[in-house]
N, C-alpha and C. Protein backbone atom coordinates (compact mmCIF):
# COMPACT_ATOMS: atom_id res chain seq x y z
N MET A 1 -24.07 -11.03 -5.46
CA MET A 1 -23.43 -10.11 -4.54
C MET A 1 -22.77 -10.89 -3.41
N ALA A 2 -21.73 -10.29 -2.84
CA ALA A 2 -20.98 -10.96 -1.78
C ALA A 2 -21.82 -11.10 -0.51
N ASN A 3 -21.70 -12.24 0.11
CA ASN A 3 -22.45 -12.49 1.35
C ASN A 3 -21.57 -12.36 2.58
N THR A 4 -20.37 -12.89 2.51
CA THR A 4 -19.52 -12.93 3.70
C THR A 4 -18.77 -11.61 3.88
N LYS A 5 -18.36 -11.40 5.10
CA LYS A 5 -17.62 -10.19 5.45
C LYS A 5 -16.30 -10.13 4.69
N SER A 6 -15.62 -11.27 4.57
CA SER A 6 -14.34 -11.32 3.88
C SER A 6 -14.49 -11.05 2.38
N ALA A 7 -15.60 -11.53 1.81
CA ALA A 7 -15.84 -11.30 0.38
C ALA A 7 -16.11 -9.82 0.12
N LYS A 8 -16.81 -9.17 1.01
CA LYS A 8 -17.08 -7.73 0.88
C LYS A 8 -15.78 -6.94 0.98
N LYS A 9 -14.92 -7.36 1.90
CA LYS A 9 -13.62 -6.70 2.05
C LYS A 9 -12.80 -6.88 0.78
N ARG A 10 -12.82 -8.09 0.21
CA ARG A 10 -12.08 -8.36 -1.03
C ARG A 10 -12.54 -7.45 -2.16
N ILE A 11 -13.86 -7.23 -2.23
CA ILE A 11 -14.40 -6.35 -3.27
C ILE A 11 -13.86 -4.93 -3.09
N ARG A 12 -13.83 -4.45 -1.84
CA ARG A 12 -13.30 -3.11 -1.57
C ARG A 12 -11.83 -3.03 -1.94
N GLN A 13 -11.07 -4.06 -1.56
CA GLN A 13 -9.63 -4.07 -1.86
C GLN A 13 -9.37 -4.09 -3.36
N SER A 14 -10.09 -4.94 -4.07
CA SER A 14 -9.84 -5.07 -5.50
C SER A 14 -10.23 -3.80 -6.24
N GLU A 15 -11.24 -3.09 -5.77
CA GLU A 15 -11.63 -1.82 -6.41
C GLU A 15 -10.55 -0.76 -6.20
N ARG A 16 -10.01 -0.68 -4.98
CA ARG A 16 -8.91 0.27 -4.72
C ARG A 16 -7.70 -0.05 -5.58
N ARG A 17 -7.36 -1.33 -5.68
CA ARG A 17 -6.21 -1.74 -6.50
C ARG A 17 -6.45 -1.46 -7.97
N ARG A 18 -7.69 -1.70 -8.44
CA ARG A 18 -8.02 -1.47 -9.84
C ARG A 18 -7.80 0.00 -10.20
N LEU A 19 -8.25 0.90 -9.34
CA LEU A 19 -8.09 2.33 -9.61
C LEU A 19 -6.62 2.74 -9.57
N ARG A 20 -5.87 2.17 -8.63
CA ARG A 20 -4.44 2.48 -8.52
C ARG A 20 -3.69 1.96 -9.75
N ASN A 21 -4.02 0.73 -10.17
CA ASN A 21 -3.38 0.15 -11.35
C ASN A 21 -3.73 0.93 -12.60
N ARG A 22 -4.98 1.39 -12.69
CA ARG A 22 -5.41 2.15 -13.86
C ARG A 22 -4.63 3.45 -13.98
N ALA A 23 -4.39 4.11 -12.85
CA ALA A 23 -3.62 5.36 -12.87
C ALA A 23 -2.18 5.10 -13.32
N THR A 24 -1.58 4.04 -12.81
CA THR A 24 -0.20 3.70 -13.19
C THR A 24 -0.13 3.36 -14.67
N ARG A 25 -1.09 2.57 -15.15
CA ARG A 25 -1.11 2.17 -16.56
C ARG A 25 -1.30 3.38 -17.47
N SER A 26 -2.13 4.32 -17.03
CA SER A 26 -2.38 5.53 -17.81
C SER A 26 -1.11 6.37 -17.94
N LYS A 27 -0.40 6.55 -16.83
CA LYS A 27 0.87 7.30 -16.86
C LYS A 27 1.88 6.61 -17.76
N LEU A 28 1.89 5.29 -17.69
CA LEU A 28 2.81 4.50 -18.51
C LEU A 28 2.53 4.70 -20.00
N ARG A 29 1.25 4.61 -20.36
CA ARG A 29 0.88 4.79 -21.77
C ARG A 29 1.25 6.18 -22.26
N GLY A 30 1.03 7.18 -21.41
CA GLY A 30 1.38 8.55 -21.78
C GLY A 30 2.87 8.72 -21.99
N ALA A 31 3.67 8.12 -21.12
CA ALA A 31 5.13 8.23 -21.24
C ALA A 31 5.62 7.56 -22.52
N ILE A 32 5.05 6.41 -22.85
CA ILE A 32 5.45 5.70 -24.06
C ILE A 32 5.06 6.49 -25.30
N LYS A 33 3.86 7.06 -25.28
CA LYS A 33 3.38 7.84 -26.41
C LYS A 33 4.27 9.07 -26.62
N THR A 34 4.65 9.72 -25.52
CA THR A 34 5.53 10.89 -25.60
C THR A 34 6.88 10.50 -26.17
N ALA A 35 7.41 9.37 -25.73
CA ALA A 35 8.72 8.91 -26.20
C ALA A 35 8.69 8.58 -27.69
N ARG A 36 7.59 7.99 -28.14
CA ARG A 36 7.50 7.62 -29.56
C ARG A 36 7.34 8.85 -30.44
N GLY A 37 6.71 9.89 -29.92
CA GLY A 37 6.47 11.09 -30.71
C GLY A 37 7.56 12.14 -30.59
N ALA A 38 8.49 11.95 -29.67
CA ALA A 38 9.53 12.96 -29.43
C ALA A 38 10.49 13.04 -30.61
N GLU A 39 11.02 14.23 -30.81
CA GLU A 39 11.95 14.46 -31.92
C GLU A 39 13.20 15.16 -31.41
N GLY A 40 14.29 14.96 -32.10
CA GLY A 40 15.53 15.69 -31.83
C GLY A 40 16.17 15.37 -30.50
N ALA A 41 16.63 16.43 -29.83
CA ALA A 41 17.37 16.27 -28.58
C ALA A 41 16.50 15.80 -27.42
N ALA A 42 15.19 15.98 -27.55
CA ALA A 42 14.28 15.59 -26.47
C ALA A 42 14.01 14.09 -26.46
N LYS A 43 14.32 13.41 -27.55
CA LYS A 43 13.98 11.98 -27.67
C LYS A 43 14.67 11.09 -26.63
N PRO A 44 16.01 11.22 -26.44
CA PRO A 44 16.65 10.33 -25.43
C PRO A 44 16.07 10.51 -24.03
N ALA A 45 15.77 11.76 -23.67
CA ALA A 45 15.21 12.02 -22.34
C ALA A 45 13.81 11.41 -22.22
N ALA A 46 13.03 11.51 -23.28
CA ALA A 46 11.67 10.96 -23.27
C ALA A 46 11.70 9.44 -23.19
N VAL A 47 12.66 8.83 -23.88
CA VAL A 47 12.79 7.37 -23.85
C VAL A 47 13.20 6.92 -22.44
N LEU A 48 14.13 7.64 -21.83
CA LEU A 48 14.54 7.30 -20.46
C LEU A 48 13.37 7.42 -19.48
N GLU A 49 12.55 8.44 -19.67
CA GLU A 49 11.38 8.63 -18.81
C GLU A 49 10.38 7.48 -18.99
N ALA A 50 10.21 7.04 -20.23
CA ALA A 50 9.30 5.92 -20.50
C ALA A 50 9.84 4.63 -19.89
N ILE A 51 11.13 4.43 -19.98
CA ILE A 51 11.76 3.23 -19.39
C ILE A 51 11.59 3.26 -17.87
N ARG A 52 11.74 4.43 -17.29
CA ARG A 52 11.55 4.58 -15.84
C ARG A 52 10.11 4.23 -15.46
N ALA A 53 9.15 4.70 -16.26
CA ALA A 53 7.74 4.42 -15.99
C ALA A 53 7.45 2.92 -16.13
N LEU A 54 8.07 2.28 -17.12
CA LEU A 54 7.89 0.84 -17.30
C LEU A 54 8.44 0.07 -16.10
N ASP A 55 9.63 0.44 -15.65
CA ASP A 55 10.22 -0.24 -14.49
C ASP A 55 9.37 -0.06 -13.24
N LYS A 56 8.81 1.13 -13.08
CA LYS A 56 7.97 1.40 -11.92
C LYS A 56 6.69 0.56 -11.99
N ALA A 57 6.12 0.43 -13.18
CA ALA A 57 4.90 -0.37 -13.35
C ALA A 57 5.18 -1.85 -13.06
N VAL A 58 6.37 -2.32 -13.44
CA VAL A 58 6.74 -3.71 -13.16
C VAL A 58 6.87 -3.92 -11.66
N SER A 59 7.53 -2.97 -10.98
CA SER A 59 7.74 -3.13 -9.54
C SER A 59 6.41 -3.10 -8.77
N LYS A 60 5.42 -2.42 -9.32
CA LYS A 60 4.11 -2.37 -8.68
C LYS A 60 3.21 -3.53 -9.09
N GLY A 61 3.68 -4.34 -10.04
CA GLY A 61 2.92 -5.50 -10.45
C GLY A 61 1.81 -5.20 -11.45
N VAL A 62 1.87 -4.03 -12.09
CA VAL A 62 0.84 -3.65 -13.04
C VAL A 62 1.12 -4.27 -14.41
N VAL A 63 2.41 -4.38 -14.76
CA VAL A 63 2.82 -4.90 -16.05
C VAL A 63 3.79 -6.06 -15.82
N HIS A 64 3.69 -7.09 -16.63
CA HIS A 64 4.61 -8.22 -16.53
C HIS A 64 6.00 -7.79 -16.98
N ARG A 65 7.02 -8.34 -16.36
CA ARG A 65 8.39 -7.90 -16.65
C ARG A 65 8.80 -8.17 -18.09
N ASN A 66 8.31 -9.25 -18.68
CA ASN A 66 8.65 -9.52 -20.08
C ASN A 66 8.00 -8.52 -21.03
N THR A 67 6.80 -8.09 -20.70
CA THR A 67 6.12 -7.08 -21.49
C THR A 67 6.91 -5.77 -21.44
N ALA A 68 7.35 -5.41 -20.24
CA ALA A 68 8.13 -4.19 -20.07
C ALA A 68 9.45 -4.29 -20.83
N ALA A 69 10.09 -5.44 -20.77
CA ALA A 69 11.36 -5.63 -21.47
C ALA A 69 11.17 -5.49 -22.97
N ARG A 70 10.08 -6.03 -23.48
CA ARG A 70 9.78 -5.94 -24.91
C ARG A 70 9.55 -4.49 -25.33
N LYS A 71 8.81 -3.75 -24.52
CA LYS A 71 8.52 -2.35 -24.83
C LYS A 71 9.78 -1.49 -24.73
N LYS A 72 10.62 -1.77 -23.73
CA LYS A 72 11.87 -1.02 -23.58
C LYS A 72 12.79 -1.28 -24.77
N SER A 73 12.85 -2.51 -25.20
CA SER A 73 13.68 -2.88 -26.35
C SER A 73 13.21 -2.16 -27.61
N ALA A 74 11.90 -2.12 -27.80
CA ALA A 74 11.33 -1.45 -28.98
C ALA A 74 11.65 0.04 -28.95
N LEU A 75 11.54 0.66 -27.78
CA LEU A 75 11.85 2.09 -27.66
C LEU A 75 13.32 2.35 -27.95
N ALA A 76 14.19 1.48 -27.44
CA ALA A 76 15.63 1.64 -27.65
C ALA A 76 15.97 1.49 -29.14
N ARG A 77 15.34 0.53 -29.79
CA ARG A 77 15.58 0.33 -31.23
C ARG A 77 15.15 1.54 -32.03
N ARG A 78 14.01 2.12 -31.67
CA ARG A 78 13.54 3.32 -32.37
C ARG A 78 14.48 4.50 -32.13
N LEU A 79 15.02 4.59 -30.91
CA LEU A 79 15.95 5.67 -30.58
C LEU A 79 17.22 5.57 -31.41
N VAL A 80 17.77 4.35 -31.49
CA VAL A 80 19.00 4.13 -32.27
C VAL A 80 18.76 4.40 -33.75
N ALA A 81 17.60 3.97 -34.25
CA ALA A 81 17.29 4.16 -35.67
C ALA A 81 17.12 5.65 -36.00
N ALA A 82 16.67 6.44 -35.04
CA ALA A 82 16.43 7.86 -35.27
C ALA A 82 17.73 8.67 -35.26
N THR A 83 18.78 8.13 -34.64
CA THR A 83 20.03 8.90 -34.55
C THR A 83 21.01 8.51 -35.63
């Protein structure tokens, strides 16, 4: 267990960040899942929403930018293949 005051503060900070990151990651996964399962006219809008969620996760530091780029590319390829 932490002994110093600064170590205790770090534990509190990291717990708050962990919960915030978990919420962002959860929304991101949901958006990607929706985009992959979307059909017809709703698909482009769902893909755009997933891309927006990926960009937001990158800006918050939850996901690495290369990971987001790879996922966006995969979504775009699936969109083109479906049309």
